[in-house]
Amino acid sequence: MTNISIQLCNRDNKFIINNMYPLYIHDLGEIRNTYPNKYGVFEEDNSIKTLEEQTPVFDIWWNKKDILFPFGML
């Protein structure tokens, strides 16, 4: 059986959040009644075309470390 631990992610592990967050947004889409933009990215407009372009948006968790706490499964 695989052991999973939930830990506060630092910048070295942020790729975990960057990879998982779009899936979370996808799941929330049904609840929030939101849809991906024309490029398949969950954003409010069509200015972001790839997940790679979207990734810097997630840096807010590490830029505001006293307010936001990014946890990840490691």
Protein backbone atom coordinates (compact mmCIF):
# COMPACT_ATOMS: atom_id res chain seq x y z
CA MET A 1 0.00 0.00 0.00
CA THR A 2 1.27 3.46 -0.87
CA ASN A 3 1.81 5.92 1.96
CA ILE A 4 0.66 9.45 1.25
CA SER A 5 1.56 12.44 3.37
CA ILE A 6 0.23 15.96 3.10
CA GLN A 7 2.88 18.62 3.55
CA LEU A 8 3.28 22.32 3.01
CA CYS A 9 4.88 22.68 -0.43
CA ASN A 10 7.91 24.87 -0.84
CA ARG A 11 9.15 26.30 -4.12
CA ASP A 12 11.17 23.13 -4.77
CA ASN A 13 7.96 21.06 -4.74
CA LYS A 14 5.62 23.57 -6.39
CA PHE A 15 5.50 21.49 -9.55
CA ILE A 16 3.13 19.18 -7.64
CA ILE A 17 0.63 22.01 -7.12
CA ASN A 18 1.17 23.25 -10.68
CA ASN A 19 0.31 19.78 -12.01
CA MET A 20 -2.66 19.10 -9.72
CA TYR A 21 -4.40 22.48 -9.65
CA PRO A 22 -5.82 22.39 -13.20
CA LEU A 23 -7.51 19.09 -12.31
CA TYR A 24 -9.01 20.72 -9.22
CA ILE A 25 -10.31 23.64 -11.30
CA HIS A 26 -11.76 21.15 -13.78
CA ASP A 27 -13.66 19.38 -10.99
CA LEU A 28 -14.97 22.70 -9.65
CA GLY A 29 -16.16 23.65 -13.13
CA GLU A 30 -19.31 21.58 -12.76
CA ILE A 31 -20.16 23.17 -9.40
CA ARG A 32 -19.35 26.71 -10.52
CA ASN A 33 -20.84 26.17 -13.97
CA THR A 34 -17.62 27.33 -15.63
CA TYR A 35 -16.02 26.03 -18.79
CA PRO A 36 -12.54 26.08 -20.27
CA ASN A 37 -11.64 28.81 -22.71
CA LYS A 38 -11.33 28.02 -26.43
CA TYR A 39 -7.82 26.59 -25.80
CA GLY A 40 -9.02 24.15 -23.12
CA VAL A 41 -7.60 26.11 -20.19
CA PHE A 42 -9.84 27.09 -17.28
CA GLU A 43 -9.43 30.87 -17.43
CA GLU A 44 -11.93 33.69 -17.69
CA ASP A 45 -10.74 34.78 -21.12
CA ASN A 46 -8.71 33.50 -24.07
CA SER A 47 -5.49 35.31 -23.17
CA ILE A 48 -3.92 32.14 -21.72
CA LYS A 49 -3.43 29.41 -24.31
CA THR A 50 -1.45 26.75 -22.42
CA LEU A 51 -1.07 25.38 -18.91
CA GLU A 52 2.55 26.51 -19.06
CA GLU A 53 1.35 30.10 -19.46
CA GLN A 54 -1.08 29.61 -16.58
CA THR A 55 1.53 28.28 -14.14
CA PRO A 56 2.89 31.70 -13.00
CA VAL A 57 -0.61 32.52 -11.69
CA PHE A 58 -0.08 29.85 -9.03
CA ASP A 59 3.07 31.56 -7.71
CA ILE A 60 0.82 33.74 -5.56
CA TRP A 61 0.93 30.95 -2.96
CA TRP A 62 4.65 31.35 -2.50
CA ASN A 63 4.66 35.14 -2.91
CA LYS A 64 2.12 35.54 -0.08
CA LYS A 65 3.42 32.82 2.21
CA ASP A 66 1.98 34.38 5.38
CA ILE A 67 -1.55 34.40 3.92
CA LEU A 68 -1.82 31.40 1.60
CA PHE A 69 -0.64 27.90 2.43
CA PRO A 70 -0.10 25.48 -0.46
CA PHE A 71 -0.33 21.90 0.72
CA GLY A 72 0.47 18.95 -1.48
CA MET A 73 0.45 15.18 -1.32
CA LEU A 74 3.96 13.82 -1.31
